[in-house]
């Protein structure tokens, strides 16, 4: 079971509604892949369509193509999105959006091994997956793997940074 413990409210961009980040890992042919999924609950004052449009505008403003090519953060040092993994936390930062979450141990292991996470920021609202409520793996797979979700998302290979000691 996965939970959605963290949310971010952006007062300067109220049309986004509540933004949520979820971390999980999945088996791949070359080991576990750490994933991050960001989405809106679609609870903006003007409804889910406004949330969707606001997320799309946020992504476009940051040169992250929705439904476009995979963005390789390793090849784009000026990428406006960053991931810091420290003390069991994942901190995601980009202009107009900051969030942290406590990923499961297997995600932390996978990101430590790979050095990056696969980040999907979708414009498709998911009101059922609310912060603090458990999400069944089947529900996560159905939403995160749906064409409607993937085609409405920016896809980024996001290098994981650590604080230097």
Protein backbone atom coordinates (compact mmCIF):
# COMPACT_ATOMS: atom_id res chain seq x y z
CA UNK A 1 0.00 0.00 0.00
CA UNK A 2 1.25 3.49 -0.82
CA UNK A 3 0.16 6.66 0.88
CA UNK A 4 0.09 10.25 -0.26
CA UNK A 5 1.30 12.02 2.87
CA UNK A 6 2.39 15.35 1.45
CA UNK A 7 0.68 18.13 -0.38
CA UNK A 8 1.61 21.59 -1.53
CA UNK A 9 -0.69 24.57 -1.73
CA UNK A 10 0.43 27.44 -3.94
CA UNK A 11 -1.31 30.66 -3.01
CA UNK A 12 0.17 32.49 -6.01
CA UNK A 13 -1.29 29.88 -8.33
CA UNK A 14 -4.64 29.02 -6.76
CA UNK A 15 -5.86 27.42 -9.97
CA UNK A 16 -3.44 24.53 -9.43
CA UNK A 17 -5.46 23.30 -6.49
CA UNK A 18 -3.77 20.86 -4.15
CA UNK A 19 -0.63 19.32 -5.63
CA UNK A 20 0.54 15.93 -4.41
CA UNK A 21 3.80 14.01 -4.92
CA UNK A 22 3.96 10.25 -4.58
CA UNK A 23 7.09 8.06 -4.66
CA UNK A 24 7.26 4.35 -5.45
CA UNK A 25 9.56 1.91 -7.16
CA UNK A 26 8.88 -0.73 -9.73
CA UNK A 27 10.77 -3.71 -11.02
CA UNK A 28 12.56 -3.28 -14.32
CA UNK A 29 14.83 -5.51 -16.37
CA UNK A 30 17.91 -3.87 -14.83
CA UNK A 31 16.67 -3.46 -11.25
CA UNK A 32 14.15 -1.31 -9.44
CA UNK A 33 13.21 2.04 -10.98
CA UNK A 34 12.38 4.90 -8.59
CA UNK A 35 9.34 6.89 -9.75
CA UNK A 36 7.90 10.21 -8.64
CA UNK A 37 4.39 11.22 -9.64
CA UNK A 38 3.06 14.75 -9.20
CA UNK A 39 -0.60 15.55 -9.80
CA UNK A 40 -3.36 17.90 -8.73
CA UNK A 41 -6.42 16.81 -6.83
CA UNK A 42 -8.38 19.02 -9.25
CA UNK A 43 -9.82 20.98 -6.35
CA UNK A 44 -9.20 24.50 -7.64
CA UNK A 45 -12.05 26.95 -7.13
CA UNK A 46 -12.86 26.79 -10.85
CA UNK A 47 -12.79 22.99 -10.94
CA UNK A 48 -10.64 20.21 -12.36
CA UNK A 49 -10.34 21.77 -15.81
CA UNK A 50 -8.79 24.89 -14.29
CA UNK A 51 -6.38 22.74 -12.27
CA UNK A 52 -5.39 20.86 -15.40
CA UNK A 53 -4.80 24.05 -17.37
CA UNK A 54 -2.79 25.59 -14.50
CA UNK A 55 -0.53 22.52 -14.20
CA UNK A 56 0.02 22.56 -17.96
CA UNK A 57 0.92 26.27 -17.82
CA UNK A 58 3.34 25.61 -14.93
CA UNK A 59 5.07 22.88 -16.91
CA UNK A 60 5.22 24.91 -20.11
CA UNK A 61 6.58 27.95 -18.23
CA UNK A 62 9.41 25.71 -17.03
CA UNK A 63 10.06 24.31 -20.55
CA UNK A 64 8.80 20.86 -19.63
CA UNK A 65 6.81 19.53 -22.59
CA UNK A 66 3.47 17.91 -21.82
CA UNK A 67 3.02 14.75 -23.85
CA UNK A 68 6.35 15.38 -25.49
CA UNK A 69 9.75 13.84 -25.43
CA UNK A 70 11.47 12.55 -22.34
CA UNK A 71 13.57 15.30 -20.75
CA UNK A 72 16.94 13.98 -19.58
CA UNK A 73 17.98 16.09 -16.60
CA UNK A 74 21.49 14.65 -16.82
CA UNK A 75 21.90 16.33 -20.21
CA UNK A 76 20.25 19.62 -19.14
CA UNK A 77 22.27 21.18 -16.32
CA UNK A 78 19.99 24.26 -16.31
CA UNK A 79 16.85 22.20 -15.82
CA UNK A 80 14.48 24.17 -13.55
CA UNK A 81 13.51 21.01 -11.63
CA UNK A 82 15.70 19.46 -8.97
CA UNK A 83 15.52 16.49 -6.65
CA UNK A 84 17.32 16.41 -3.33
CA UNK A 85 17.39 13.11 -1.46
CA UNK A 86 18.56 13.45 2.11
CA UNK A 87 17.78 11.88 5.49
CA UNK A 88 15.07 9.65 4.05
CA UNK A 89 13.27 12.55 2.34
CA UNK A 90 12.80 13.44 -1.32
CA UNK A 91 12.57 17.18 -1.92
CA UNK A 92 11.33 18.28 -5.33
CA UNK A 93 11.85 21.92 -6.32
CA UNK A 94 10.89 23.94 -9.37
CA UNK A 95 9.71 27.51 -9.86
CA UNK A 96 6.09 27.62 -8.70
CA UNK A 97 6.20 24.20 -7.00
CA UNK A 98 8.05 22.73 -4.03
CA UNK A 99 7.20 19.50 -2.26
CA UNK A 100 8.77 16.90 -0.07
CA UNK A 101 7.76 13.35 0.62
CA UNK A 102 8.94 10.40 2.62
CA UNK A 103 9.52 7.66 0.07
CA UNK A 104 9.48 3.97 0.96
CA UNK A 105 12.85 2.31 1.70
CA UNK A 106 12.88 0.44 -1.62
CA UNK A 107 12.56 3.78 -3.47
CA UNK A 108 15.49 5.21 -1.52
CA UNK A 109 17.57 2.13 -2.37
CA UNK A 110 16.65 2.34 -6.06
CA UNK A 111 17.45 6.06 -6.33
CA UNK A 112 20.76 5.54 -4.50
CA UNK A 113 21.67 2.79 -6.96
CA UNK A 114 20.58 4.63 -10.12
CA UNK A 115 21.35 8.21 -9.13
CA UNK A 116 18.07 9.47 -10.58
CA UNK A 117 14.30 9.09 -10.46
CA UNK A 118 11.79 8.99 -13.28
CA UNK A 119 9.51 11.97 -12.63
CA UNK A 120 6.02 12.17 -14.16
CA UNK A 121 4.14 15.44 -13.61
CA UNK A 122 0.67 14.99 -15.05
CA UNK A 123 -1.99 17.56 -15.84
CA UNK A 124 -4.63 14.89 -15.22
CA UNK A 125 -6.26 15.39 -11.80
CA UNK A 126 -6.56 12.44 -9.43
CA UNK A 127 -9.02 13.50 -6.70
CA UNK A 128 -9.29 9.97 -5.26
CA UNK A 129 -5.61 9.87 -4.17
CA UNK A 130 -5.73 12.38 -1.35
CA UNK A 131 -2.89 13.14 1.08
CA UNK A 132 -2.83 10.87 4.10
CA UNK A 133 -5.10 8.24 2.56
CA UNK A 134 -3.67 4.88 1.48
CA UNK A 135 -3.54 4.12 -2.22
CA UNK A 136 -3.79 0.49 -3.26
CA UNK A 137 -1.04 -0.61 -5.67
CA UNK A 138 -3.68 -1.53 -8.26
CA UNK A 139 -5.16 1.98 -8.15
CA UNK A 140 -1.71 3.54 -8.49
CA UNK A 141 -0.87 1.27 -11.43
CA UNK A 142 -4.19 2.04 -13.11
CA UNK A 143 -3.77 5.82 -12.77
CA UNK A 144 -0.01 6.13 -13.34
CA UNK A 145 -0.04 3.67 -16.24
CA UNK A 146 -3.12 5.03 -18.01
CA UNK A 147 -2.60 6.60 -21.44
CA UNK A 148 -4.70 9.56 -20.26
CA UNK A 149 -2.22 10.18 -17.45
CA UNK A 150 0.98 9.56 -19.40
CA UNK A 151 -0.04 11.54 -22.50
CA UNK A 152 -0.99 14.51 -20.29
CA UNK A 153 2.35 14.57 -18.47
CA UNK A 154 5.89 15.85 -18.62
CA UNK A 155 8.39 12.99 -18.28
CA UNK A 156 11.77 13.78 -16.75
CA UNK A 157 14.80 11.73 -15.81
CA UNK A 158 15.65 13.69 -12.68
CA UNK A 159 19.14 13.40 -11.19
CA UNK A 160 19.10 12.85 -7.44
CA UNK A 161 21.34 15.25 -5.59
CA UNK A 162 22.62 14.95 -2.02
CA UNK A 163 23.93 17.54 0.39
CA UNK A 164 27.70 17.59 0.47
CA UNK A 165 29.31 16.96 3.81
